[in-house]
């Protein structure tokens, strides 16, 4: 009988493209996440089109949460032959329904624009990664389950989701696997959220594990405290919109980050601290996602539940405007009025935010506020790195705008918060701890932090690397 093994097929020494393949002793295959790589690293340019396995051989796909870097290739997996079940939490399924359809639209749009250029160059046209029909088929294969119960996946395998506090519906994944040597427990943290953050419940630790796949996005840094965060956020708003009469542009992920920022602005508005300036949420996906948030109060923490007793709409206040139409979005680019614009994508890899940044980045009274991780090769990553010139839409532009970074908004735990998440584990019982979902230098730093806490047998797997789970 073959060994139980795991292959790292994405987010290995990188932050996006999460995908980890477990092969059971009987040959059945379970895929944890099936994410899209987001970035411009030349070494990864073909990642999204190819597989390190045959999709038709996968029996089950288990998703940790709905972010595209964890789910964005699900329709392609289906398109290329996967016919099994897709397991997720209830809220993850609801979010995937809108996020994957939005992703399909972007895939088709990007292929259309690329093919215009290819035709002029006399090159063969390309096909989109997937289309809306592939999303529809994929959604019919979802089986959603609740938190904190053991669910039978296949003979000898059970899965349990626990709330990871990262985004709505996010979860850690724990697998109990019967083998010829007895039961083995494998845990995948997914993305670890942060305690005492707005909207969501605090992360709940996993059961005791023999093997752990642990994210490491912020394994080399600490976040600001919440009080400091609110004060700094308000200061940036006042300095940009009041003192300079400029625009505060916030690239934000449509799911999670946007809702958190709007909720904080709602609180500031109720406290009469928010200046009387218009706030625009310019992302159709974020608007749809906010409606799904409203449908899942079961995921809210006690603070938000209590807040809604006096303000039943935490994502709505005077001067807040949700922008749906393209023409209304374009008007914001040419408006000289001081305002706040929240738009996607968070890494400025696409979407309406690219146009807002392009049209305002050379203005001295503009502030671009980066509120989360951005891969180094993205526009967001270049701004984080302090570049004074960047290339957008084929044009090199000067970065005259003020660039501010507030990682405290991040939905990822810092290294102390991730270590706290693991603190219920008996270190002596962990046979191997694999670090995934992080840049290599960050993972090395996190490994040292873990070792100082007494963890051993820590591995930083490379892409395609396979380990036998003895």
Protein backbone atom coordinates (compact mmCIF):
# COMPACT_ATOMS: atom_id res chain seq x y z
CA UNK A 1 0.00 0.00 0.00
CA UNK A 2 1.36 3.43 -0.93
CA UNK A 3 2.17 6.11 1.61
CA UNK A 4 -0.01 9.03 2.64
CA UNK A 5 1.63 12.04 1.00
CA UNK A 6 1.21 15.73 0.27
CA UNK A 7 2.35 17.80 -2.71
CA UNK A 8 2.57 21.60 -2.59
CA UNK A 9 1.01 22.84 -5.82
CA UNK A 10 0.68 26.56 -5.07
CA UNK A 11 1.45 29.30 -2.53
CA UNK A 12 4.77 27.56 -1.90
CA UNK A 13 7.32 30.30 -1.09
CA UNK A 14 4.71 32.70 -2.50
CA UNK A 15 1.55 34.31 -1.13
CA UNK A 16 -1.07 33.61 -3.81
CA UNK A 17 -2.24 30.51 -5.67
CA UNK A 18 -2.99 28.30 -2.64
CA UNK A 19 -3.24 24.61 -3.62
CA UNK A 20 -2.11 21.50 -1.72
CA UNK A 21 -2.68 17.93 -2.88
CA UNK A 22 -3.13 15.04 -0.45
CA UNK A 23 -2.92 11.50 -1.79
CA UNK A 24 -4.39 8.84 0.46
CA UNK A 25 -3.01 5.31 0.82
CA UNK A 26 -5.80 3.98 -1.40
CA UNK A 27 -4.92 6.47 -4.14
CA UNK A 28 -7.84 8.86 -3.64
CA UNK A 29 -6.85 12.50 -3.94
CA UNK A 30 -8.00 15.50 -1.89
CA UNK A 31 -7.10 19.03 -2.97
CA UNK A 32 -6.99 21.78 -0.35
CA UNK A 33 -7.81 25.09 -2.09
CA UNK A 34 -7.48 25.84 -5.78
CA UNK A 35 -6.32 29.44 -5.95
CA UNK A 36 -5.36 31.88 -8.67
CA UNK A 37 -1.82 33.26 -8.73
CA UNK A 38 -1.99 37.06 -8.58
CA UNK A 39 1.16 38.90 -9.55
CA UNK A 40 3.63 39.52 -12.35
CA UNK A 41 6.59 37.33 -11.39
CA UNK A 42 8.07 35.97 -14.64
CA UNK A 43 8.68 32.59 -13.01
CA UNK A 44 4.93 32.24 -12.39
CA UNK A 45 3.50 33.58 -15.64
CA UNK A 46 2.20 30.16 -16.76
CA UNK A 47 1.05 28.96 -13.33
CA UNK A 48 -2.66 29.64 -13.78
CA UNK A 49 -2.86 27.77 -17.10
CA UNK A 50 -1.18 24.57 -15.93
CA UNK A 51 -1.55 21.87 -13.28
CA UNK A 52 0.89 19.72 -11.32
CA UNK A 53 -1.72 16.95 -11.41
CA UNK A 54 -4.56 15.73 -13.60
CA UNK A 55 -7.77 17.54 -12.55
CA UNK A 56 -9.80 14.45 -13.48
CA UNK A 57 -7.90 12.47 -10.84
CA UNK A 58 -9.01 14.73 -7.96
CA UNK A 59 -11.81 13.18 -5.92
CA UNK A 60 -12.56 16.04 -3.51
CA UNK A 61 -11.78 19.74 -3.29
CA UNK A 62 -11.93 21.35 0.16
CA UNK A 63 -11.89 25.16 0.27
CA UNK A 64 -10.69 27.25 3.22
CA UNK A 65 -12.36 30.53 2.16
CA UNK A 66 -13.58 32.50 -0.83
CA UNK A 67 -10.66 34.81 -1.65
CA UNK A 68 -9.64 34.38 -5.28
CA UNK A 69 -6.07 33.38 -4.42
CA UNK A 70 -7.68 30.34 -2.74
CA UNK A 71 -10.59 29.63 -5.12
CA UNK A 72 -9.89 31.43 -8.39
CA UNK A 73 -8.99 28.33 -10.44
CA UNK A 74 -11.96 26.21 -9.32
CA UNK A 75 -13.89 26.79 -12.59
CA UNK A 76 -10.78 25.86 -14.59
CA UNK A 77 -10.39 22.69 -12.50
CA UNK A 78 -13.95 21.78 -13.48
CA UNK A 79 -13.40 22.81 -17.09
CA UNK A 80 -10.32 20.57 -17.25
CA UNK A 81 -12.01 17.42 -15.95
CA UNK A 82 -12.70 17.57 -12.20
CA UNK A 83 -16.00 15.85 -11.38
CA UNK A 84 -15.87 15.46 -7.59
CA UNK A 85 -17.45 17.33 -4.71
CA UNK A 86 -16.42 20.81 -3.55
CA UNK A 87 -16.67 21.32 0.21
CA UNK A 88 -16.91 24.76 1.81
CA UNK A 89 -18.65 26.63 4.60
CA UNK A 90 -22.08 28.12 3.84
CA UNK A 91 -20.82 31.71 3.57
CA UNK A 92 -17.87 30.66 1.41
CA UNK A 93 -20.24 29.06 -1.07
CA UNK A 94 -22.38 32.22 -1.23
CA UNK A 95 -19.33 34.42 -1.76
CA UNK A 96 -17.85 32.08 -4.38
CA UNK A 97 -21.06 32.37 -6.39
CA UNK A 98 -20.43 36.09 -7.00
CA UNK A 99 -16.63 36.14 -6.85
CA UNK A 100 -16.04 33.35 -9.37
CA UNK A 101 -18.58 34.80 -11.78
CA UNK A 102 -16.81 38.16 -11.49
CA UNK A 103 -13.49 36.40 -12.08
CA UNK A 104 -14.88 34.71 -15.21
CA UNK A 105 -15.98 38.09 -16.54
CA UNK A 106 -12.47 39.45 -15.98
CA UNK A 107 -10.88 36.40 -17.65
CA UNK A 108 -13.05 36.89 -20.73
CA UNK A 109 -12.49 40.65 -20.81
CA UNK A 110 -8.72 40.31 -20.47
CA UNK A 111 -8.61 37.67 -23.22
CA UNK A 112 -10.65 39.96 -25.50
CA UNK A 113 -8.25 42.88 -25.03
CA UNK A 114 -5.19 40.63 -25.36
CA UNK A 115 -6.52 39.17 -28.60
CA UNK A 116 -6.95 42.62 -30.16
CA UNK A 117 -3.22 43.11 -29.71
CA UNK A 118 -2.39 39.56 -30.85
CA UNK A 119 -4.37 39.97 -34.07
CA UNK A 120 -2.35 43.09 -34.92
CA UNK A 121 0.84 41.12 -34.26
CA UNK A 122 -0.31 38.20 -36.40
CA UNK A 123 -0.44 35.85 -33.42
CA UNK A 124 -2.94 33.15 -32.53
CA UNK A 125 -5.73 34.31 -30.18
CA UNK A 126 -5.83 33.02 -26.61
CA UNK A 127 -8.74 31.50 -24.71
CA UNK A 128 -9.89 32.87 -21.36
CA UNK A 129 -8.93 30.74 -18.38
CA UNK A 130 -12.63 29.91 -18.00
CA UNK A 131 -16.05 31.36 -18.74
CA UNK A 132 -19.37 31.88 -16.95
CA UNK A 133 -20.62 28.42 -17.91
CA UNK A 134 -17.68 26.82 -16.11
CA UNK A 135 -18.60 28.78 -12.97
CA UNK A 136 -22.23 27.65 -13.17
CA UNK A 137 -21.15 24.02 -13.41
CA UNK A 138 -18.66 24.43 -10.55
CA UNK A 139 -21.30 25.94 -8.25
CA UNK A 140 -23.56 22.93 -8.81
CA UNK A 141 -20.82 20.74 -7.30
CA UNK A 142 -20.60 22.60 -3.96
CA UNK A 143 -21.59 20.94 -0.69
CA UNK A 144 -21.61 23.50 2.15
CA UNK A 145 -21.24 22.49 5.79
CA UNK A 146 -21.21 24.29 9.13
CA UNK A 147 -18.44 24.92 11.62
CA UNK A 148 -17.34 22.61 14.43
CA UNK A 149 -18.71 19.27 13.26
CA UNK A 150 -16.94 16.27 11.77
CA UNK A 151 -18.14 15.62 8.23
CA UNK A 152 -17.36 12.34 6.38
CA UNK A 153 -15.46 13.06 3.17
CA UNK A 154 -14.80 9.51 2.02
CA UNK A 155 -14.17 6.18 3.69
CA UNK A 156 -11.71 6.72 6.54
CA UNK A 157 -11.55 10.54 6.17
CA UNK A 158 -13.43 13.21 8.16
CA UNK A 159 -13.14 17.00 7.90
CA UNK A 160 -13.88 19.72 10.43
CA UNK A 161 -14.10 23.45 9.78
CA UNK A 162 -13.36 25.95 12.54
CA UNK A 163 -13.82 29.70 12.16
CA UNK A 164 -10.45 31.28 11.32
CA UNK A 165 -11.71 34.89 11.63
CA UNK A 166 -10.13 35.96 8.32
CA UNK A 167 -13.15 36.83 6.14
CA UNK A 168 -16.80 35.88 6.17
CA UNK A 169 -17.01 32.07 6.12
CA UNK A 170 -13.25 31.52 6.40
CA UNK A 171 -12.09 28.39 8.16
CA UNK A 172 -9.20 26.22 9.14
CA UNK A 173 -9.41 22.67 7.79
CA UNK A 174 -8.68 19.63 9.94
CA UNK A 175 -8.63 16.15 8.42
CA UNK A 176 -8.76 12.92 10.40
CA UNK A 177 -7.34 10.24 8.12
CA UNK A 178 -7.35 6.51 8.87
CA UNK A 179 -4.16 4.85 7.62
CA UNK A 180 -2.57 1.42 7.93
CA UNK A 181 -0.55 2.89 10.83
CA UNK A 182 -3.58 4.35 12.63
CA UNK A 183 -5.28 7.72 12.53
CA UNK A 184 -3.35 10.77 11.38
CA UNK A 185 -4.58 14.33 11.82
CA UNK A 186 -3.63 16.98 9.28
CA UNK A 187 -4.48 20.63 9.84
CA UNK A 188 -4.45 23.47 7.33
CA UNK A 189 -4.76 26.88 8.97
CA UNK A 190 -6.03 28.55 5.81
CA UNK A 191 -5.51 32.28 6.32
CA UNK A 192 -5.35 33.07 10.04
CA UNK A 193 -7.43 36.06 11.02
CA UNK A 194 -6.85 38.48 13.85
CA UNK A 195 -8.40 38.61 17.31
CA UNK A 196 -10.53 41.59 18.32
CA UNK A 197 -11.08 42.77 14.75
CA UNK A 198 -14.36 44.36 13.64
CA UNK A 199 -17.26 42.29 12.25
CA UNK A 200 -15.97 38.71 12.61
CA UNK A 201 -15.48 36.37 15.53
CA UNK A 202 -11.96 35.71 16.80
CA UNK A 203 -10.02 32.82 15.23
CA UNK A 204 -10.74 29.47 16.88
CA UNK A 205 -7.73 27.13 17.27
CA UNK A 206 -7.62 23.81 15.43
CA UNK A 207 -7.77 20.41 17.15
CA UNK A 208 -4.46 18.76 17.97
CA UNK A 209 -2.66 17.85 14.76
CA UNK A 210 0.15 15.56 13.67
CA UNK A 211 0.89 17.64 10.57
CA UNK A 212 0.16 21.33 10.07
CA UNK A 213 0.15 23.56 7.00
CA UNK A 214 0.46 27.08 8.37
CA UNK A 215 0.14 30.35 6.51
CA UNK A 216 2.97 32.85 7.00
CA UNK A 217 2.00 36.04 5.14
CA UNK A 218 3.02 38.39 7.95
CA UNK A 219 5.53 36.11 9.61
CA UNK A 220 8.10 38.89 9.98
CA UNK A 221 6.06 41.82 11.34
CA UNK A 222 3.68 43.09 13.98
CA UNK A 223 0.51 45.13 13.41
CA UNK A 224 -0.54 48.36 15.07
CA UNK A 225 -3.06 48.20 17.88
CA UNK A 226 -6.68 49.06 17.08
CA UNK A 227 -6.81 52.41 18.90
CA UNK A 228 -3.66 53.56 17.11
CA UNK A 229 -5.16 52.36 13.85
CA UNK A 230 -8.36 54.39 14.16
CA UNK A 231 -6.48 57.54 15.13
CA UNK A 232 -4.01 57.18 12.26
CA UNK A 233 -6.83 56.49 9.77
CA UNK A 234 -8.72 59.60 10.87
CA UNK A 235 -5.53 61.67 10.71
CA UNK A 236 -4.87 60.57 7.12
CA UNK A 237 -8.45 61.44 6.17
CA UNK A 238 -8.19 64.94 7.66
CA UNK A 239 -4.73 65.71 6.22
CA UNK A 240 -5.73 64.59 2.72
CA UNK A 241 -9.36 65.61 2.38
CA UNK A 242 -9.53 68.67 4.65
CA UNK A 243 -6.03 70.20 4.75
CA UNK A 244 -5.19 69.46 1.08
CA UNK A 245 -8.73 69.17 -0.34
CA UNK A 246 -7.54 66.02 -2.12
CA UNK A 247 -8.64 62.47 -2.74
CA UNK A 248 -7.92 59.56 -0.43
CA UNK A 249 -7.78 56.47 -2.65
CA UNK A 250 -7.93 53.10 -0.89
CA UNK A 251 -7.26 49.94 -2.92
CA UNK A 252 -9.15 47.25 -1.01
CA UNK A 253 -10.18 43.67 -1.53
CA UNK A 254 -13.89 43.51 -2.37
CA UNK A 255 -14.58 40.89 0.28
CA UNK A 256 -13.62 41.58 3.88
CA UNK A 257 -11.39 44.63 3.67
CA UNK A 258 -13.96 46.90 2.03
CA UNK A 259 -16.69 45.96 4.52
CA UNK A 260 -14.33 46.52 7.46
CA UNK A 261 -13.27 49.96 6.23
CA UNK A 262 -16.87 51.04 5.58
CA UNK A 263 -17.89 49.78 9.03
CA UNK A 264 -15.10 51.83 10.63
CA UNK A 265 -16.19 54.91 8.67
CA UNK A 266 -19.77 54.24 9.80
CA UNK A 267 -18.58 54.24 13.41
CA UNK A 268 -16.64 57.48 12.91
CA UNK A 269 -19.71 59.03 11.29
CA UNK A 270 -21.94 58.04 14.22
CA UNK A 271 -19.36 59.49 16.61
CA UNK A 272 -19.40 62.78 14.63
CA UNK A 273 -15.65 62.40 13.98
CA UNK A 274 -15.80 61.86 10.22
CA UNK A 275 -15.49 65.10 8.22
CA UNK A 276 -18.49 65.84 5.94
CA UNK A 277 -16.89 64.49 2.76
CA UNK A 278 -18.33 62.01 0.24
CA UNK A 279 -17.20 58.40 0.45
CA UNK A 280 -17.49 56.22 -2.67
CA UNK A 281 -17.36 52.41 -2.74
CA UNK A 282 -16.55 51.86 -6.41
CA UNK A 283 -16.67 48.09 -6.84
CA UNK A 284 -19.73 46.17 -8.04
CA UNK A 285 -18.29 43.00 -6.50
CA UNK A 286 -17.84 44.72 -3.12
CA UNK A 287 -21.43 45.93 -3.29
CA UNK A 288 -22.71 42.39 -3.93
CA UNK A 289 -20.42 40.98 -1.25
CA UNK A 290 -21.78 43.47 1.28
CA UNK A 291 -25.27 42.10 0.63
CA UNK A 292 -23.98 38.59 1.39
CA UNK A 293 -22.47 39.92 4.62
CA UNK A 294 -25.95 41.11 5.60
CA UNK A 295 -27.25 37.55 5.02
CA UNK A 296 -24.80 35.97 7.47
CA UNK A 297 -25.20 37.55 10.92
CA UNK A 298 -24.30 34.07 12.23
CA UNK A 299 -20.67 34.98 11.46
CA UNK A 300 -20.68 38.35 13.27
CA UNK A 301 -18.90 38.95 16.56
CA UNK A 302 -20.67 40.23 19.68
CA UNK A 303 -19.46 43.80 19.11
CA UNK A 304 -21.13 44.12 15.72
CA UNK A 305 -24.29 42.37 16.93
CA UNK A 306 -24.52 44.88 19.77
CA UNK A 307 -23.71 47.81 17.44
CA UNK A 308 -26.56 46.81 15.12
CA UNK A 309 -29.05 47.28 17.95
CA UNK A 310 -28.59 51.04 17.57
CA UNK A 311 -27.43 51.13 13.93
CA UNK A 312 -29.08 48.32 11.96
CA UNK A 313 -27.06 49.19 8.84
CA UNK A 314 -23.33 49.20 9.68
CA UNK A 315 -22.51 49.62 5.97
CA UNK A 316 -24.54 52.73 5.31
CA UNK A 317 -24.31 56.35 6.48
CA UNK A 318 -24.80 59.89 5.18
CA UNK A 319 -22.30 60.76 2.44
CA UNK A 320 -21.66 57.07 1.62
CA UNK A 321 -22.31 56.22 -2.04
CA UNK A 322 -22.14 52.82 -3.72
CA UNK A 323 -21.06 53.16 -7.35
CA UNK A 324 -22.34 50.53 -9.78
CA UNK A 325 -22.32 52.09 -13.23
CA UNK A 326 -19.10 52.47 -15.23
CA UNK A 327 -19.97 56.02 -16.27
CA UNK A 328 -20.39 57.07 -12.65
CA UNK A 329 -17.01 55.52 -11.87
CA UNK A 330 -15.38 57.49 -14.68
CA UNK A 331 -16.83 60.74 -13.31
CA UNK A 332 -14.86 60.21 -10.08
CA UNK A 333 -11.59 60.39 -12.03
CA UNK A 334 -12.30 63.91 -13.21
CA UNK A 335 -13.96 65.21 -10.05
CA UNK A 336 -11.85 67.78 -8.18
CA UNK A 337 -13.83 67.54 -4.96
CA UNK A 338 -12.20 66.10 -1.84
CA UNK A 339 -13.43 62.56 -1.25
CA UNK A 340 -12.59 59.01 -0.23
CA UNK A 341 -12.64 56.33 -2.94
CA UNK A 342 -12.56 52.65 -1.93
CA UNK A 343 -12.12 50.37 -4.91
CA UNK A 344 -10.80 46.99 -6.02
CA UNK A 345 -8.54 45.18 -6.64
CA UNK A 346 -6.54 45.45 -3.44
CA UNK A 347 -3.19 44.86 -5.12
CA UNK A 348 -4.12 47.23 -8.00
CA UNK A 349 -3.79 44.38 -10.49
CA UNK A 350 -7.05 45.20 -12.24
CA UNK A 351 -10.51 46.66 -11.81
CA UNK A 352 -11.62 50.26 -11.42
CA UNK A 353 -8.92 51.08 -8.88
CA UNK A 354 -6.27 51.11 -11.61
CA UNK A 355 -8.02 54.01 -13.32
CA UNK A 356 -8.40 55.95 -10.07
CA UNK A 357 -4.72 55.51 -9.25
CA UNK A 358 -3.61 56.32 -12.82
CA UNK A 359 -5.63 59.53 -12.93
CA UNK A 360 -4.52 60.78 -9.52
CA UNK A 361 -1.06 59.37 -8.78
CA UNK A 362 0.77 62.43 -10.10
CA UNK A 363 -1.26 64.86 -7.96
CA UNK A 364 0.45 66.10 -4.81
CA UNK A 365 -2.82 66.39 -2.86
CA UNK A 366 -3.72 62.71 -3.43
CA UNK A 367 -3.05 60.01 -0.84
CA UNK A 368 -3.01 56.32 -1.77
CA UNK A 369 -3.60 54.25 1.35
CA UNK A 370 -2.38 50.64 1.09
CA UNK A 371 -4.32 48.57 3.63
CA UNK A 372 -3.10 45.03 3.05
CA UNK A 373 -0.61 42.71 1.46
CA UNK A 374 0.39 43.34 -2.15
CA UNK A 375 2.72 41.00 -4.04
CA UNK A 376 6.04 42.67 -4.92
CA UNK A 377 5.45 42.55 -8.67
CA UNK A 378 2.02 44.25 -8.54
CA UNK A 379 1.41 48.01 -8.70
CA UNK A 380 0.37 47.89 -5.06
CA UNK A 381 3.62 46.11 -4.22
CA UNK A 382 5.67 48.73 -6.07
CA UNK A 383 3.92 51.53 -4.18
CA UNK A 384 4.56 49.71 -0.90
CA UNK A 385 8.23 49.49 -1.84
CA UNK A 386 8.45 53.28 -2.32
CA UNK A 387 8.94 53.38 -6.10
CA UNK A 388 8.95 56.96 -7.41
CA UNK A 389 7.95 55.89 -10.94
CA UNK A 390 5.67 53.06 -12.03
CA UNK A 391 4.26 51.88 -15.34
CA UNK A 392 0.50 51.86 -15.85
CA UNK A 393 -1.43 51.28 -19.07
CA UNK A 394 1.85 51.38 -20.99
CA UNK A 395 2.80 54.79 -19.57
CA UNK A 396 5.43 55.60 -16.96
CA UNK A 397 3.99 57.92 -14.32
CA UNK A 398 5.59 59.80 -11.44
CA UNK A 399 4.45 58.89 -7.96
CA UNK A 400 3.78 62.39 -6.64
CA UNK A 401 0.90 61.22 -4.46
CA UNK A 402 1.54 60.49 -0.81
CA UNK A 403 1.62 56.74 -0.18
CA UNK A 404 0.59 55.52 3.26
CA UNK A 405 0.64 51.93 4.49
CA UNK A 406 -1.59 50.56 7.24
CA UNK A 407 -0.99 46.83 7.61
CA UNK A 408 -3.10 46.87 10.76
CA UNK A 409 -6.15 46.69 8.47
CA UNK A 410 -4.91 43.34 7.25
CA UNK A 411 -7.11 40.32 7.83
CA UNK A 412 -3.93 38.23 8.28
CA UNK A 413 -2.50 37.74 11.74
CA UNK A 414 1.01 38.99 12.44
CA UNK A 415 3.63 36.56 13.73
CA UNK A 416 2.59 36.90 17.37
CA UNK A 417 -1.08 36.37 16.46
CA UNK A 418 -0.26 33.32 14.33
CA UNK A 419 1.85 31.84 17.13
CA UNK A 420 -1.05 32.47 19.52
CA UNK A 421 -3.35 30.62 17.10
CA UNK A 422 -1.04 27.59 17.29
CA UNK A 423 -0.49 27.81 21.05
CA UNK A 424 -3.07 25.13 21.93
CA UNK A 425 -1.00 22.51 20.09
CA UNK A 426 1.24 20.07 21.93
CA UNK A 427 4.52 20.81 20.14
CA UNK A 428 5.89 17.32 20.83
CA UNK A 429 3.02 15.73 18.90
CA UNK A 430 3.57 17.80 15.74
CA UNK A 431 5.60 15.63 13.38
CA UNK A 432 5.96 18.27 10.66
CA UNK A 433 4.97 21.91 10.39
CA UNK A 434 4.93 23.24 6.82
CA UNK A 435 4.98 26.99 6.14
CA UNK A 436 2.94 28.07 3.12
CA UNK A 437 1.37 31.27 1.79
CA UNK A 438 4.33 33.59 2.36
CA UNK A 439 7.36 35.09 0.63
CA UNK A 440 10.52 33.09 1.31
CA UNK A 441 12.33 35.74 3.37
CA UNK A 442 9.22 36.19 5.50
CA UNK A 443 8.89 32.43 5.97
CA UNK A 444 12.50 32.17 7.12
CA UNK A 445 11.87 34.89 9.70
CA UNK A 446 8.66 33.19 10.87
CA UNK A 447 10.48 29.87 11.15
CA UNK A 448 12.96 31.49 13.54
CA UNK A 449 10.10 32.93 15.62
CA UNK A 450 8.49 29.49 15.81
CA UNK A 451 11.77 27.83 16.75
CA UNK A 452 12.23 30.32 19.57
CA UNK A 453 8.83 29.17 20.87
CA UNK A 454 9.97 25.55 20.88
CA UNK A 455 8.55 24.28 17.58
CA UNK A 456 10.66 21.75 15.69
CA UNK A 457 10.51 19.94 12.34
CA UNK A 458 9.57 23.13 10.45
CA UNK A 459 9.71 22.93 6.66
CA UNK A 460 9.44 25.55 3.90
CA UNK A 461 8.34 23.47 0.90
CA UNK A 462 9.06 24.48 -2.67
CA UNK A 463 6.59 24.40 -5.54
CA UNK A 464 5.83 20.81 -6.67
CA UNK A 465 7.67 19.34 -3.66
CA UNK A 466 6.23 16.09 -2.29
CA UNK A 467 6.46 14.78 1.27
CA UNK A 468 5.52 11.37 2.63
CA UNK A 469 3.55 11.78 5.87
CA UNK A 470 5.14 8.93 7.84
